[in-house]
């Protein structure tokens, strides 16, 4: 049996909605994108949702709207995908890599407070909601990430690529109003919902929303749908900024609408699979399980990451090799940016080092977790993991 790391579930209305778009004759950004934006905004309780062709594009637009540019110094956690950092350099800013908590792989208020005290020239922070869990953005005692940044006049752009439908501790959705400039979601193929390639940016700031809408399509003050459907002077438009080509197509939005219709069922299945993994792998010597959320409904469970103990009979790479040999797909989230060739040269590194990020990376393995996973596939993955730690490395999983 072969079990991929991820498999798309497109068994809803995806084909029907795509067919409707093709038959409409309008394929690029139009009515389906608008409908997708409205539905997503309502889902996460945001005032504005701006559809884009990737989360990377969303982060770029969010940082641009927040004023990141030459001379800006932006804090980025070391455990993240490179896109979180690279968009800062698109705008001429400098990346200052910061450590993360070793248990969650996320930036914490305590780590941030220390970094801001030591680096008062920081102008923006990009917290990353990792694996489906949310960073602590607000706190009753005003010590959350957003609270700390508010007090110093520092812009916050949330990387929520892993965080739909994640909720904060108080039950409010990630993407709703916490005061950040923008919150950026990913609809890449292996995310909790997909448009193939694509993303969404949410904000409650009218000016930020207007800026991002213009900048996602060449800095033009009227989009193509508006120009072709408003009565009178259809051809007229003005270019008000040097923008980008970041719009989402109606074809992609059609997929997104169909996926959004089933996101609650997707989420329930992820919760069930994560609970099953914990039950099945509990007590296996050599494995550290991901901490269970106090309220599973708050965690999107995009990833299920186990850690291999240092004294286990097999190391992380050996486990991956064993699982691959048994037909099980895996991934690693992530090799820290401070260990990457480019960022070691380009980013501002912390002389204190990155103890939390290094500890997280050591031994981490992401197991398959996707809604269409069958019972047989789940058992196959679980048996393969158990077999690796029992020493039965030559026996294929059943």
Protein backbone atom coordinates (compact mmCIF):
# COMPACT_ATOMS: atom_id res chain seq x y z
CA UNK A 1 0.00 0.00 0.00
CA UNK A 2 1.15 3.54 -0.78
CA UNK A 3 -0.12 6.40 1.40
CA UNK A 4 0.78 9.88 0.14
CA UNK A 5 1.66 12.67 2.53
CA UNK A 6 -1.44 14.46 1.27
CA UNK A 7 -4.29 13.78 -1.14
CA UNK A 8 -6.78 16.37 -2.35
CA UNK A 9 -10.46 15.75 -1.66
CA UNK A 10 -12.39 17.31 -4.55
CA UNK A 11 -15.54 15.24 -4.20
CA UNK A 12 -17.92 18.17 -3.71
CA UNK A 13 -19.14 20.76 -6.19
CA UNK A 14 -15.72 21.56 -7.65
CA UNK A 15 -16.36 20.17 -11.15
CA UNK A 16 -19.85 21.68 -11.36
CA UNK A 17 -18.62 25.13 -10.36
CA UNK A 18 -15.63 24.96 -12.72
CA UNK A 19 -17.98 24.00 -15.57
CA UNK A 20 -20.19 26.99 -14.77
CA UNK A 21 -17.17 29.29 -14.99
CA UNK A 22 -16.04 27.84 -18.31
CA UNK A 23 -19.53 28.13 -19.74
CA UNK A 24 -19.84 31.73 -18.53
CA UNK A 25 -17.02 32.84 -20.81
CA UNK A 26 -15.35 34.81 -17.98
CA UNK A 27 -12.29 32.99 -16.62
CA UNK A 28 -10.19 35.60 -14.84
CA UNK A 29 -11.09 37.60 -11.70
CA UNK A 30 -14.83 38.26 -11.72
CA UNK A 31 -18.06 37.35 -9.98
CA UNK A 32 -16.76 34.03 -8.59
CA UNK A 33 -13.79 35.73 -6.98
CA UNK A 34 -16.12 38.29 -5.41
CA UNK A 35 -18.40 35.53 -4.12
CA UNK A 36 -15.43 33.61 -2.72
CA UNK A 37 -14.12 36.73 -0.95
CA UNK A 38 -17.50 37.44 0.61
CA UNK A 39 -17.97 33.85 1.79
CA UNK A 40 -14.48 33.65 3.27
CA UNK A 41 -14.79 37.02 5.03
CA UNK A 42 -18.02 35.86 6.63
CA UNK A 43 -16.44 32.55 7.64
CA UNK A 44 -13.58 34.19 9.56
CA UNK A 45 -15.55 37.25 10.72
CA UNK A 46 -13.39 39.72 8.77
CA UNK A 47 -14.54 43.01 7.27
CA UNK A 48 -12.52 42.52 4.08
CA UNK A 49 -11.12 39.48 2.27
CA UNK A 50 -8.88 39.97 -0.79
CA UNK A 51 -8.25 36.91 -2.97
CA UNK A 52 -4.73 36.50 -4.36
CA UNK A 53 -2.82 33.90 -6.34
CA UNK A 54 -0.70 32.72 -3.37
CA UNK A 55 -0.14 33.30 0.32
CA UNK A 56 3.28 34.66 -0.67
CA UNK A 57 1.52 37.33 -2.72
CA UNK A 58 -0.72 38.09 0.24
CA UNK A 59 2.24 38.51 2.58
CA UNK A 60 3.91 40.79 0.03
CA UNK A 61 0.78 42.95 -0.27
CA UNK A 62 0.30 43.03 3.49
CA UNK A 63 3.86 44.14 4.15
CA UNK A 64 3.66 46.74 1.38
CA UNK A 65 0.42 48.13 2.84
CA UNK A 66 2.08 48.23 6.29
CA UNK A 67 4.86 50.42 4.93
CA UNK A 68 7.70 47.87 4.84
CA UNK A 69 10.41 49.17 2.53
CA UNK A 70 14.09 50.15 2.35
CA UNK A 71 15.40 50.62 5.86
CA UNK A 72 12.70 48.44 7.45
CA UNK A 73 13.79 45.72 9.84
CA UNK A 74 11.27 42.88 10.10
CA UNK A 75 11.23 40.09 12.68
CA UNK A 76 10.54 36.64 11.18
CA UNK A 77 10.57 33.36 13.14
CA UNK A 78 13.25 30.97 11.96
CA UNK A 79 10.86 27.99 11.73
CA UNK A 80 8.79 28.83 8.68
CA UNK A 81 8.77 28.46 4.92
CA UNK A 82 11.19 30.77 3.14
CA UNK A 83 8.36 32.82 1.59
CA UNK A 84 7.64 34.43 4.97
CA UNK A 85 11.05 36.04 4.88
CA UNK A 86 11.64 36.58 1.18
CA UNK A 87 8.76 39.02 0.75
CA UNK A 88 10.57 41.43 3.09
CA UNK A 89 13.48 41.54 0.67
CA UNK A 90 11.11 42.08 -2.27
CA UNK A 91 10.36 45.44 -0.64
CA UNK A 92 13.96 46.31 0.20
CA UNK A 93 13.71 45.52 3.92
CA UNK A 94 16.00 43.42 6.12
CA UNK A 95 14.99 40.17 7.80
CA UNK A 96 15.93 39.67 11.44
CA UNK A 97 15.42 36.01 12.31
CA UNK A 98 14.08 35.27 15.78
CA UNK A 99 13.82 32.04 17.77
CA UNK A 100 10.66 30.02 18.46
CA UNK A 101 9.26 27.92 21.27
CA UNK A 102 10.68 24.40 21.02
CA UNK A 103 7.35 22.71 21.78
CA UNK A 104 5.13 24.63 19.33
CA UNK A 105 7.56 26.01 16.70
CA UNK A 106 5.91 29.40 17.19
CA UNK A 107 6.91 32.88 18.22
CA UNK A 108 5.78 33.57 21.79
CA UNK A 109 5.17 36.89 23.55
CA UNK A 110 8.14 36.18 25.83
CA UNK A 111 10.52 35.57 22.93
CA UNK A 112 9.16 38.62 21.11
CA UNK A 113 9.46 40.92 24.14
CA UNK A 114 13.12 39.96 24.56
CA UNK A 115 13.83 40.50 20.86
CA UNK A 116 12.13 43.90 20.79
CA UNK A 117 14.00 45.04 23.90
CA UNK A 118 17.29 44.10 22.28
CA UNK A 119 16.40 45.39 18.80
CA UNK A 120 14.46 48.67 19.11
CA UNK A 121 14.77 49.43 15.37
CA UNK A 122 12.34 46.65 14.38
CA UNK A 123 9.45 48.12 12.37
CA UNK A 124 7.31 45.04 11.66
CA UNK A 125 6.75 41.49 12.89
CA UNK A 126 5.42 38.47 10.95
CA UNK A 127 4.17 35.88 13.47
CA UNK A 128 3.54 32.46 11.93
CA UNK A 129 0.53 30.44 13.10
CA UNK A 130 2.15 27.02 12.83
CA UNK A 131 0.66 23.63 11.96
CA UNK A 132 -2.91 24.73 12.61
CA UNK A 133 -2.39 26.39 16.00
CA UNK A 134 -2.50 30.12 16.69
CA UNK A 135 0.16 32.33 18.20
CA UNK A 136 -0.89 34.19 21.34
CA UNK A 137 -1.89 37.49 19.76
CA UNK A 138 -3.86 39.11 22.58
CA UNK A 139 -3.74 38.49 26.33
CA UNK A 140 -5.88 39.72 29.25
CA UNK A 141 -2.79 41.30 30.81
CA UNK A 142 -1.84 42.99 27.49
CA UNK A 143 1.22 40.81 26.95
CA UNK A 144 0.21 39.12 23.70
CA UNK A 145 2.17 39.56 20.47
CA UNK A 146 -0.27 42.15 19.18
CA UNK A 147 -0.31 43.96 22.53
CA UNK A 148 3.49 44.22 22.60
CA UNK A 149 3.62 45.53 19.04
CA UNK A 150 0.80 48.03 19.63
CA UNK A 151 2.69 49.50 22.57
CA UNK A 152 5.74 50.10 20.37
CA UNK A 153 3.97 51.18 17.18
CA UNK A 154 5.16 48.08 15.31
CA UNK A 155 3.16 46.70 12.36
CA UNK A 156 2.03 43.06 12.44
CA UNK A 157 1.35 40.93 9.36
CA UNK A 158 0.07 37.44 10.26
CA UNK A 159 1.23 34.39 8.31
CA UNK A 160 -1.81 32.13 8.59
CA UNK A 161 -0.87 29.74 5.77
CA UNK A 162 -1.52 26.80 8.16
CA UNK A 163 -4.38 28.38 10.08
CA UNK A 164 -7.75 27.83 8.47
CA UNK A 165 -10.06 27.26 10.33
CA UNK A 166 -7.98 28.01 13.42
CA UNK A 167 -9.37 29.97 16.36
CA UNK A 168 -7.67 32.04 19.04
CA UNK A 169 -7.93 31.10 22.71
CA UNK A 170 -11.06 33.23 23.10
CA UNK A 171 -12.75 31.39 20.23
CA UNK A 172 -12.50 34.15 17.63
CA UNK A 173 -11.31 32.99 14.19
CA UNK A 174 -7.80 33.67 12.98
CA UNK A 175 -8.35 36.28 10.29
CA UNK A 176 -10.78 38.31 12.36
CA UNK A 177 -9.93 41.58 14.05
CA UNK A 178 -6.92 41.37 16.37
CA UNK A 179 -5.50 44.65 15.09
CA UNK A 180 -2.89 43.37 12.64
CA UNK A 181 -2.42 45.06 9.28
CA UNK A 182 -3.32 41.86 7.44
CA UNK A 183 -3.75 38.12 7.95
CA UNK A 184 -2.62 35.91 5.05
CA UNK A 185 -3.97 32.43 4.25
CA UNK A 186 -2.75 29.77 1.81
CA UNK A 187 -4.88 27.61 -0.47
CA UNK A 188 -1.92 25.65 -1.87
CA UNK A 189 -2.68 22.06 -2.87
CA UNK A 190 -1.78 20.48 0.50
CA UNK A 191 -3.51 22.98 2.78
CA UNK A 192 -6.71 22.42 4.77
CA UNK A 193 -8.66 23.72 1.76
CA UNK A 194 -7.34 24.44 -1.70
CA UNK A 195 -7.76 26.36 -4.91
CA UNK A 196 -4.73 24.59 -6.43
CA UNK A 197 -2.62 27.71 -6.04
CA UNK A 198 -4.05 30.72 -4.26
CA UNK A 199 -4.53 32.62 -1.05
CA UNK A 200 -6.61 35.17 0.82
CA UNK A 201 -5.75 38.27 2.84
CA UNK A 202 -8.14 39.56 5.49
CA UNK A 203 -8.18 42.93 7.19
CA UNK A 204 -10.59 45.24 9.01
CA UNK A 205 -8.78 48.37 7.81
CA UNK A 206 -10.59 50.00 4.87
CA UNK A 207 -7.49 51.83 3.62
CA UNK A 208 -5.35 48.69 3.77
CA UNK A 209 -8.01 46.73 1.88
CA UNK A 210 -8.23 49.39 -0.83
CA UNK A 211 -4.44 49.47 -1.17
CA UNK A 212 -4.14 45.69 -1.47
CA UNK A 213 -6.95 45.46 -4.03
CA UNK A 214 -5.21 48.00 -6.25
CA UNK A 215 -1.73 46.58 -5.80
CA UNK A 216 -2.77 42.99 -6.54
CA UNK A 217 -3.55 44.03 -10.14
CA UNK A 218 -0.95 46.45 -11.48
CA UNK A 219 -1.96 49.41 -9.32
CA UNK A 220 -5.04 50.01 -11.52
CA UNK A 221 -7.94 51.81 -9.88
CA UNK A 222 -10.62 49.63 -11.55
CA UNK A 223 -10.48 45.89 -12.10
CA UNK A 224 -11.41 44.22 -15.38
CA UNK A 225 -14.75 42.91 -14.09
CA UNK A 226 -15.79 46.43 -13.09
CA UNK A 227 -14.62 47.94 -16.38
CA UNK A 228 -16.58 45.45 -18.47
CA UNK A 229 -19.79 45.47 -16.44
CA UNK A 230 -20.32 49.02 -15.23
CA UNK A 231 -22.51 51.14 -17.48
CA UNK A 232 -20.58 53.86 -19.35
CA UNK A 233 -16.88 54.57 -19.98
CA UNK A 234 -15.90 50.91 -19.68
CA UNK A 235 -12.42 51.39 -21.08
CA UNK A 236 -11.37 54.16 -18.72
CA UNK A 237 -9.03 53.46 -15.83
CA UNK A 238 -6.06 55.04 -14.10
CA UNK A 239 -2.78 53.58 -12.84
CA UNK A 240 -2.20 54.92 -9.34
CA UNK A 241 0.81 52.80 -8.27
CA UNK A 242 3.38 50.35 -9.64
CA UNK A 243 1.51 47.23 -8.61
CA UNK A 244 1.81 43.48 -9.13
CA UNK A 245 0.02 40.62 -10.93
CA UNK A 246 -1.42 38.83 -7.91
CA UNK A 247 -5.12 38.35 -8.74
CA UNK A 248 -6.95 35.02 -8.39
CA UNK A 249 -8.93 33.58 -11.32
CA UNK A 250 -12.61 32.71 -11.30
CA UNK A 251 -11.64 29.11 -12.07
CA UNK A 252 -9.57 28.92 -8.88
CA UNK A 253 -12.28 30.73 -6.92
CA UNK A 254 -14.84 28.16 -8.10
CA UNK A 255 -12.73 25.42 -6.53
CA UNK A 256 -12.36 27.52 -3.39
CA UNK A 257 -16.10 28.04 -3.02
CA UNK A 258 -16.71 24.29 -3.29
CA UNK A 259 -13.95 23.56 -0.76
CA UNK A 260 -15.25 26.21 1.64
CA UNK A 261 -18.67 24.56 1.57
CA UNK A 262 -17.12 21.44 3.13
CA UNK A 263 -14.46 22.96 5.37
CA UNK A 264 -16.28 21.96 8.57
CA UNK A 265 -16.41 18.31 7.49
CA UNK A 266 -12.73 18.47 6.53
CA UNK A 267 -11.93 19.88 9.96
CA UNK A 268 -13.92 17.25 11.86
CA UNK A 269 -12.10 14.50 9.97
CA UNK A 270 -8.71 16.02 10.80
CA UNK A 271 -9.65 16.19 14.49
CA UNK A 272 -10.71 12.53 14.38
CA UNK A 273 -7.50 11.40 12.67
CA UNK A 274 -5.30 13.35 15.10
CA UNK A 275 -7.12 11.76 18.05
CA UNK A 276 -6.67 8.34 16.45
CA UNK A 277 -2.92 8.93 15.97
CA UNK A 278 -2.55 9.88 19.62
CA UNK A 279 -4.41 6.77 20.75
CA UNK A 280 -2.57 4.44 18.36
CA UNK A 281 0.94 5.78 18.97
CA UNK A 282 0.58 6.50 22.70
CA UNK A 283 3.23 4.65 24.65
CA UNK A 284 5.54 3.98 21.70
CA UNK A 285 9.05 4.39 23.09
CA UNK A 286 11.07 6.97 21.18
CA UNK A 287 8.21 9.26 20.06
CA UNK A 288 7.14 12.62 21.41
CA UNK A 289 3.59 13.42 20.35
CA UNK A 290 2.35 16.92 19.50
CA UNK A 291 0.60 18.53 22.46
CA UNK A 292 -3.17 18.16 22.31
CA UNK A 293 -5.12 21.40 22.23
CA UNK A 294 -7.33 22.14 25.25
CA UNK A 295 -10.07 22.85 22.71
CA UNK A 296 -9.53 20.75 19.54
CA UNK A 297 -12.05 22.89 17.67
CA UNK A 298 -9.59 25.81 17.86
CA UNK A 299 -6.82 23.91 16.03
CA UNK A 300 -7.00 23.52 12.23
CA UNK A 301 -4.68 20.48 12.48
CA UNK A 302 -2.98 21.20 9.20
CA UNK A 303 -0.02 19.11 10.37
CA UNK A 304 0.55 16.19 12.73
CA UNK A 305 4.21 16.45 13.73
CA UNK A 306 5.90 13.82 15.90
CA UNK A 307 9.44 14.07 17.26
CA UNK A 308 11.96 11.25 17.45
CA UNK A 309 13.79 11.13 20.78
CA UNK A 310 17.57 11.43 20.80
CA UNK A 311 17.95 8.03 22.51
CA UNK A 312 15.47 6.20 20.27
CA UNK A 313 16.65 3.12 18.38
CA UNK A 314 16.19 5.04 15.10
CA UNK A 315 16.83 8.66 14.20
CA UNK A 316 14.55 11.02 12.28
CA UNK A 317 16.11 10.37 8.88
CA UNK A 318 16.06 6.64 9.51
CA UNK A 319 12.36 6.84 10.36
CA UNK A 320 11.65 8.74 7.14
CA UNK A 321 13.59 6.15 5.14
CA UNK A 322 11.66 3.33 6.84
CA UNK A 323 8.30 4.97 6.20
CA UNK A 324 9.17 5.70 2.57
CA UNK A 325 10.23 2.08 2.10
CA UNK A 326 6.81 1.10 3.41
CA UNK A 327 5.07 3.41 0.97
CA UNK A 328 4.29 6.17 3.47
CA UNK A 329 4.80 9.78 2.45
CA UNK A 330 6.23 12.21 5.01
CA UNK A 331 7.54 15.74 5.24
CA UNK A 332 9.60 17.93 7.57
CA UNK A 333 8.27 21.30 8.75
CA UNK A 334 10.68 23.04 8.68
CA UNK A 335 14.42 23.18 8.45
CA UNK A 336 15.01 26.54 10.22
CA UNK A 337 15.86 29.48 8.01
CA UNK A 338 18.98 30.31 10.03
CA UNK A 339 20.50 27.05 8.74
CA UNK A 340 19.77 27.85 5.08
CA UNK A 341 22.63 29.07 2.85
CA UNK A 342 20.87 32.20 1.61
CA UNK A 343 19.48 33.37 4.93
CA UNK A 344 22.77 32.74 6.74
CA UNK A 345 24.24 35.36 4.40
CA UNK A 346 21.31 37.75 4.02
CA UNK A 347 19.35 37.79 7.29
CA UNK A 348 20.37 39.47 10.52
CA UNK A 349 21.12 36.52 12.79
CA UNK A 350 20.92 36.43 16.58
CA UNK A 351 24.32 35.85 18.21
CA UNK A 352 22.46 34.09 21.05
CA UNK A 353 21.59 31.35 18.59
CA UNK A 354 18.30 29.54 18.01
CA UNK A 355 17.98 26.92 20.71
CA UNK A 356 14.22 26.55 20.37
CA UNK A 357 14.24 26.28 16.58
CA UNK A 358 17.13 23.81 16.63
CA UNK A 359 15.39 21.63 19.23
CA UNK A 360 12.18 21.68 17.21
CA UNK A 361 13.93 20.70 14.00
CA UNK A 362 15.82 17.86 15.65
CA UNK A 363 13.68 14.78 15.17
CA UNK A 364 10.54 16.35 13.68
CA UNK A 365 8.52 14.35 11.14
CA UNK A 366 5.11 15.26 9.70
CA UNK A 367 2.85 12.24 9.20
CA UNK A 368 0.07 11.99 6.59
CA UNK A 369 -3.10 13.77 7.70
CA UNK A 370 -5.84 14.45 5.17
CA UNK A 371 -9.65 14.13 5.22
CA UNK A 372 -9.91 11.38 2.57
CA UNK A 373 -7.52 9.10 4.47
CA UNK A 374 -9.08 5.63 4.68
CA UNK A 375 -9.08 3.31 7.69
CA UNK A 376 -6.68 0.97 5.88
CA UNK A 377 -4.33 3.86 5.10
CA UNK A 378 -4.41 5.06 8.69
CA UNK A 379 -3.58 1.58 10.00
CA UNK A 380 -0.81 1.20 7.43
CA UNK A 381 0.87 4.45 8.54
CA UNK A 382 0.46 3.66 12.23
CA UNK A 383 1.84 0.13 11.85
CA UNK A 384 4.81 1.44 9.88
CA UNK A 385 5.66 3.95 12.63
CA UNK A 386 5.25 1.36 15.38
CA UNK A 387 7.38 -1.11 13.42
CA UNK A 388 10.21 1.39 13.13
CA UNK A 389 10.43 1.88 16.90
CA UNK A 390 9.94 -1.79 17.75
CA UNK A 391 13.12 -2.58 15.84
CA UNK A 392 11.25 -4.54 13.18
CA UNK A 393 12.73 -2.45 10.35
CA UNK A 394 12.70 -5.24 7.79
CA UNK A 395 9.02 -6.02 8.14
CA UNK A 396 6.62 -4.23 5.84
CA UNK A 397 3.62 -2.58 7.44
CA UNK A 398 0.26 -4.26 6.93
